[in-house]
Amino acid sequence: MIKIIESPREGMQGFSRIITTAEKVRYIDHLMHVGFDTVEIGSIVSPRIIPQMADSMEVLKKLDLTGTVSNVMFLAVNDRGAEILAGIDEITHISYPFSFSPTFLKHNVNSTVEQSLKTVELITGLCNQSSKNAIIYVSMAFGNTYGDPWSIEILAEWVRKLHEAGARIIPLSNVSLEIDAKLISMVYSTLIPMFPDIEFGLHLHTSNQAWYEKVNAAYTAGCRRFDGVINGWGGCPMAGKELLGNLKTENLIAFADERSATGVKFNRIALRDAYDMAGEIFR
């Protein structure tokens, strides 16, 4: 089984044109009925820093979640945001961008590694209390463009600390550094046997080149959770000029179809409509 997570939040957050609330609601309503394992709808972040996400809570209130099989995920970047999200029944998953790169954390969430680990502990505790799932991303998991120390051994040590903090779903992200299939294979082949009770994921920022080899490397090593964005839009707007796009959802679906490996049967009509709407919205 392959879990495909669709993130309109990731696609929209750095887009230059402010997408209207009505457009977001119409688009995400369709995404919620495609059959994705999870849809990441929005985030609680400063509207001054990421104005595109200022209406995230309004969008959530206007969505029609009737009959959806998809989980509803929101991003929190600090303790206060996590506390707000934990009190909203419609939200099933709270995501958080952890990193052991102090430079990345300073740029992305204005935090230190120590403070960020405490936020992880808070989020996992809140999720346990509110019957939600904590999704703890590890950003800069495959290397570091800022010159901060990185190795697979350091990565494994921080995954151990996240495990001790209660994290059980940990997608790994490269953010702004293009990586190859060999490194992906090495990372997952190391971590998955070490932490059998963790669900590892791949949140891949990449050009469209060699995407198959990269996804297949993670899959062959045992990864079954993959994030995508329709048309590959977006990325981390705080990463700077090195910003890469996202793994295309359409590529992930083709990969899963090839293996008859999706956990949910996709509504192909809703998926086609979502593709059409993406072409209208991201213009």
Protein backbone atom coordinates (compact mmCIF):
# COMPACT_ATOMS: atom_id res chain seq x y z
CA MET A 1 0.00 0.00 0.00
CA ILE A 2 1.19 3.50 -0.83
CA LYS A 3 -0.15 6.54 1.01
CA ILE A 4 -0.26 9.68 -1.12
CA ILE A 5 -0.51 12.97 0.74
CA GLU A 6 -1.64 15.95 -1.32
CA SER A 7 -0.61 19.40 -0.08
CA PRO A 8 -2.40 22.37 -1.62
CA ARG A 9 -0.94 24.33 1.30
CA GLU A 10 2.54 23.60 0.02
CA GLY A 11 1.58 24.47 -3.53
CA MET A 12 -0.10 27.75 -2.65
CA GLN A 13 1.98 29.21 0.16
CA GLY A 14 4.66 30.87 -1.95
CA PHE A 15 2.54 31.56 -5.03
CA SER A 16 2.80 35.18 -6.15
CA ARG A 17 -0.88 35.79 -6.91
CA ILE A 18 -3.11 35.82 -3.83
CA ILE A 19 -5.60 33.02 -4.46
CA THR A 20 -9.07 33.95 -3.26
CA THR A 21 -10.78 32.10 -0.44
CA ALA A 22 -13.54 30.98 -2.80
CA GLU A 23 -11.00 29.50 -5.22
CA LYS A 24 -9.24 27.65 -2.41
CA VAL A 25 -12.49 26.22 -1.07
CA ARG A 26 -13.64 25.04 -4.50
CA TYR A 27 -10.26 23.46 -5.26
CA ILE A 28 -9.72 21.78 -1.90
CA ASP A 29 -13.32 20.50 -1.84
CA HIS A 30 -12.46 18.51 -4.96
CA LEU A 31 -9.16 17.30 -3.51
CA MET A 32 -10.97 16.03 -0.40
CA HIS A 33 -13.04 13.70 -2.59
CA VAL A 34 -10.29 12.27 -4.81
CA GLY A 35 -9.23 9.59 -2.34
CA PHE A 36 -5.87 10.88 -1.05
CA ASP A 37 -4.80 9.47 2.30
CA THR A 38 -4.37 13.01 3.63
CA VAL A 39 -4.85 16.55 2.32
CA GLU A 40 -2.83 19.33 3.94
CA ILE A 41 -5.24 22.23 3.77
CA GLY A 42 -3.47 25.17 5.39
CA SER A 43 -1.38 26.49 8.23
CA ILE A 44 -1.31 28.88 11.13
CA VAL A 45 1.53 31.25 10.28
CA SER A 46 2.09 35.00 10.34
CA PRO A 47 0.03 36.64 7.56
CA ARG A 48 2.82 39.18 7.26
CA ILE A 49 5.35 36.48 6.37
CA ILE A 50 3.08 34.18 4.32
CA PRO A 51 0.00 36.21 3.33
CA GLN A 52 -1.31 33.40 1.11
CA MET A 53 -2.20 31.37 4.21
CA ALA A 54 -3.98 34.17 6.10
CA ASP A 55 -7.43 32.72 5.33
CA SER A 56 -6.63 29.07 6.18
CA MET A 57 -9.13 28.85 9.05
CA GLU A 58 -11.85 30.48 6.94
CA VAL A 59 -11.19 27.97 4.18
CA LEU A 60 -11.51 25.08 6.64
CA LYS A 61 -14.87 26.35 7.91
CA LYS A 62 -16.28 26.53 4.37
CA LEU A 63 -15.17 23.08 3.17
CA ASP A 64 -17.65 20.29 2.59
CA LEU A 65 -16.02 17.31 4.30
CA THR A 66 -19.10 15.11 3.94
CA GLY A 67 -18.16 11.67 2.69
CA THR A 68 -14.43 12.33 2.45
CA VAL A 69 -12.06 9.43 3.14
CA SER A 70 -9.09 11.77 3.47
CA ASN A 71 -7.49 12.98 6.67
CA VAL A 72 -7.34 16.75 7.23
CA MET A 73 -3.88 18.11 8.00
CA PHE A 74 -2.80 21.58 9.11
CA LEU A 75 0.71 22.93 9.65
CA ALA A 76 1.76 24.52 12.94
CA VAL A 77 5.06 26.39 13.27
CA ASN A 78 4.95 27.12 17.00
CA ASP A 79 3.35 26.12 20.29
CA ARG A 80 0.44 28.56 20.07
CA GLY A 81 -0.52 27.39 16.60
CA ALA A 82 -0.43 23.76 17.70
CA GLU A 83 -2.67 24.52 20.69
CA ILE A 84 -5.25 26.18 18.44
CA LEU A 85 -5.25 23.30 15.95
CA ALA A 86 -5.57 20.68 18.69
CA GLY A 87 -8.94 22.18 19.64
CA ILE A 88 -10.49 21.92 16.15
CA ASP A 89 -12.43 18.69 15.63
CA GLU A 90 -12.25 18.68 11.82
CA ILE A 91 -8.44 18.55 11.88
CA THR A 92 -7.11 15.01 12.19
CA HIS A 93 -3.37 15.61 11.64
CA ILE A 94 -1.04 18.37 12.86
CA SER A 95 2.23 18.73 10.97
CA TYR A 96 5.38 20.48 12.15
CA PRO A 97 8.67 21.25 10.31
CA PHE A 98 11.41 20.09 12.68
CA SER A 99 15.07 20.24 11.69
CA PHE A 100 18.41 19.67 13.38
CA SER A 101 19.81 22.47 11.19
CA PRO A 102 19.96 25.59 13.37
CA THR A 103 20.27 27.86 10.33
CA PHE A 104 17.17 26.39 8.68
CA LEU A 105 15.13 26.69 11.88
CA LYS A 106 16.16 30.30 12.33
CA HIS A 107 15.07 31.17 8.78
CA ASN A 108 11.95 28.99 8.65
CA VAL A 109 10.27 29.08 12.07
CA ASN A 110 12.52 31.48 14.05
CA SER A 111 13.43 28.79 16.56
CA THR A 112 16.42 26.92 17.92
CA VAL A 113 16.91 23.16 17.73
CA GLU A 114 16.25 22.85 21.47
CA GLN A 115 13.08 24.95 21.31
CA SER A 116 11.91 23.03 18.25
CA LEU A 117 12.32 19.68 20.01
CA LYS A 118 10.20 21.00 22.89
CA THR A 119 7.54 22.00 20.35
CA VAL A 120 7.59 18.43 19.01
CA GLU A 121 6.99 17.14 22.54
CA LEU A 122 4.10 19.57 22.96
CA ILE A 123 2.53 18.61 19.63
CA THR A 124 2.76 14.85 20.23
CA GLY A 125 1.23 15.36 23.67
CA LEU A 126 -1.60 17.53 22.33
CA CYS A 127 -2.30 15.01 19.58
CA ASN A 128 -2.46 12.14 22.06
CA GLN A 129 -4.94 14.11 24.19
CA SER A 130 -7.15 15.12 21.25
CA SER A 131 -7.00 11.83 19.27
CA LYS A 132 -5.08 13.43 16.40
CA ASN A 133 -1.89 12.39 14.63
CA ALA A 134 1.37 14.31 14.86
CA ILE A 135 3.30 14.47 11.58
CA ILE A 136 6.85 15.56 12.38
CA TYR A 137 8.75 16.49 9.25
CA VAL A 138 12.54 16.48 9.31
CA SER A 139 13.66 19.27 7.01
CA MET A 140 17.21 19.19 5.59
CA ALA A 141 17.17 15.43 6.24
CA PHE A 142 19.37 14.56 3.25
CA GLY A 143 22.11 17.15 3.58
CA ASN A 144 22.62 20.80 4.44
CA THR A 145 23.18 23.73 2.09
CA TYR A 146 23.95 26.08 4.98
CA GLY A 147 27.09 24.25 6.10
CA ASP A 148 25.56 22.89 9.32
CA PRO A 149 26.79 19.39 10.29
CA TRP A 150 25.02 16.52 8.54
CA SER A 151 25.52 12.77 8.25
CA ILE A 152 23.27 9.72 8.28
CA GLU A 153 24.53 9.04 11.81
CA ILE A 154 23.48 12.52 12.97
CA LEU A 155 20.12 12.10 11.24
CA ALA A 156 19.57 8.74 12.98
CA GLU A 157 20.40 10.26 16.37
CA TRP A 158 17.84 13.02 15.89
CA VAL A 159 15.21 10.54 14.72
CA ARG A 160 15.88 8.68 17.97
CA LYS A 161 15.23 11.90 19.93
CA LEU A 162 12.02 12.53 17.98
CA HIS A 163 10.94 8.95 18.70
CA GLU A 164 11.57 9.53 22.40
CA ALA A 165 9.49 12.72 22.13
CA GLY A 166 6.55 10.65 20.86
CA ALA A 167 6.83 11.06 17.07
CA ARG A 168 5.64 8.01 15.12
CA ILE A 169 5.08 9.52 11.65
CA ILE A 170 8.22 11.19 10.30
CA PRO A 171 8.46 12.31 6.66
CA LEU A 172 11.95 13.29 5.52
CA SER A 173 12.49 16.35 3.33
CA ASN A 174 15.41 17.71 1.34
CA VAL A 175 13.94 21.26 1.11
CA SER A 176 16.41 23.02 -1.24
CA LEU A 177 19.13 20.48 -2.04
CA GLU A 178 18.74 18.25 -5.10
CA ILE A 179 19.53 14.67 -4.08
CA ASP A 180 20.04 11.39 -5.89
CA ALA A 181 18.47 7.95 -5.62
CA LYS A 182 21.57 6.41 -4.01
CA LEU A 183 21.41 8.76 -1.03
CA ILE A 184 17.67 8.22 -0.65
CA SER A 185 18.21 4.47 -0.61
CA MET A 186 20.99 4.75 1.99
CA VAL A 187 18.91 6.92 4.32
CA TYR A 188 15.76 4.76 4.32
CA SER A 189 17.68 1.48 4.34
CA THR A 190 19.41 2.72 7.49
CA LEU A 191 16.46 4.25 9.36
CA ILE A 192 13.57 1.87 8.66
CA PRO A 193 15.21 -1.21 10.27
CA MET A 194 16.38 0.93 13.22
CA PHE A 195 12.89 2.31 13.97
CA PRO A 196 10.31 -0.30 12.87
CA ASP A 197 7.44 1.46 14.67
CA ILE A 198 7.97 4.75 12.83
CA GLU A 199 6.10 5.44 9.59
CA PHE A 200 8.69 7.22 7.48
CA GLY A 201 7.65 9.36 4.54
CA LEU A 202 9.29 11.18 1.65
CA HIS A 203 8.61 14.87 1.09
CA LEU A 204 10.71 15.43 -1.99
CA HIS A 205 11.56 18.80 -3.45
CA THR A 206 12.88 18.07 -6.90
CA SER A 207 12.90 18.95 -10.54
CA ASN A 208 10.95 16.55 -12.72
CA GLN A 209 14.17 14.86 -13.81
CA ALA A 210 14.86 11.38 -12.44
CA TRP A 211 11.82 11.50 -10.15
CA TYR A 212 11.07 7.83 -10.80
CA GLU A 213 14.48 6.63 -9.64
CA LYS A 214 14.18 8.69 -6.45
CA VAL A 215 10.69 7.51 -5.57
CA ASN A 216 11.58 3.93 -6.42
CA ALA A 217 14.68 4.10 -4.22
CA ALA A 218 12.57 5.11 -1.21
CA TYR A 219 9.88 2.54 -2.04
CA THR A 220 12.38 -0.29 -2.47
CA ALA A 221 13.91 0.58 0.91
CA GLY A 222 10.47 0.30 2.55
CA CYS A 223 8.99 3.81 2.46
CA ARG A 224 5.26 3.80 1.72
CA ARG A 225 4.28 7.40 2.50
CA PHE A 226 4.81 10.07 -0.17
CA ASP A 227 3.90 13.77 -0.33
CA GLY A 228 3.01 15.43 -3.60
CA VAL A 229 1.49 18.56 -5.11
CA ILE A 230 -0.51 18.59 -8.32
CA ASN A 231 1.73 19.96 -11.11
CA GLY A 232 4.64 20.11 -8.65
CA TRP A 233 3.88 23.68 -7.57
CA GLY A 234 5.39 25.28 -4.49
CA GLY A 235 8.12 24.56 -2.04
CA CYS A 236 9.38 26.24 1.11
CA PRO A 237 9.25 30.03 0.57
CA MET A 238 11.73 30.55 3.41
CA ALA A 239 14.43 28.42 1.76
CA GLY A 240 15.68 31.22 -0.48
CA LYS A 241 16.90 31.22 -4.06
CA GLU A 242 17.71 27.48 -3.97
CA LEU A 243 13.98 26.73 -3.84
CA LEU A 244 12.93 23.59 -5.68
CA GLY A 245 9.43 22.58 -6.66
CA ASN A 246 7.55 19.61 -5.23
CA LEU A 247 7.21 16.04 -6.39
CA LYS A 248 4.28 15.92 -8.81
CA THR A 249 1.20 14.11 -7.52
CA GLU A 250 0.48 12.82 -11.01
CA ASN A 251 3.87 11.07 -10.99
CA LEU A 252 3.13 9.48 -7.63
CA ILE A 253 -0.24 8.22 -8.82
CA ALA A 254 1.38 6.73 -11.93
CA PHE A 255 3.99 5.05 -9.73
CA ALA A 256 1.32 3.62 -7.44
CA ASP A 257 -0.85 2.50 -10.36
CA GLU A 258 2.12 0.64 -11.80
CA ARG A 259 2.26 -1.40 -8.61
CA SER A 260 -1.49 -1.50 -7.92
CA ALA A 261 -0.35 -0.17 -4.56
CA THR A 262 -2.69 2.63 -3.54
CA GLY A 263 -4.57 2.05 -0.31
CA VAL A 264 -7.66 3.89 -1.56
CA LYS A 265 -9.39 3.72 -4.94
CA PHE A 266 -9.10 7.14 -6.52
CA ASN A 267 -12.13 8.97 -7.87
CA ARG A 268 -10.67 9.66 -11.31
CA ILE A 269 -13.41 12.14 -12.21
CA ALA A 270 -12.71 14.27 -9.12
CA LEU A 271 -8.97 13.93 -9.82
CA ARG A 272 -9.40 15.14 -13.41
CA ASP A 273 -11.51 18.07 -12.18
CA ALA A 274 -8.80 18.93 -9.64
CA TYR A 275 -6.17 18.94 -12.40
CA ASP A 276 -8.34 21.27 -14.47
CA MET A 277 -8.89 23.61 -11.52
CA ALA A 278 -5.16 23.65 -10.71
CA GLY A 279 -4.56 24.98 -14.21
CA GLU A 280 -7.01 27.80 -13.56
CA ILE A 281 -5.79 28.66 -10.07
CA PHE A 282 -2.03 28.55 -10.53
CA ARG A 283 -1.80 31.15 -13.27
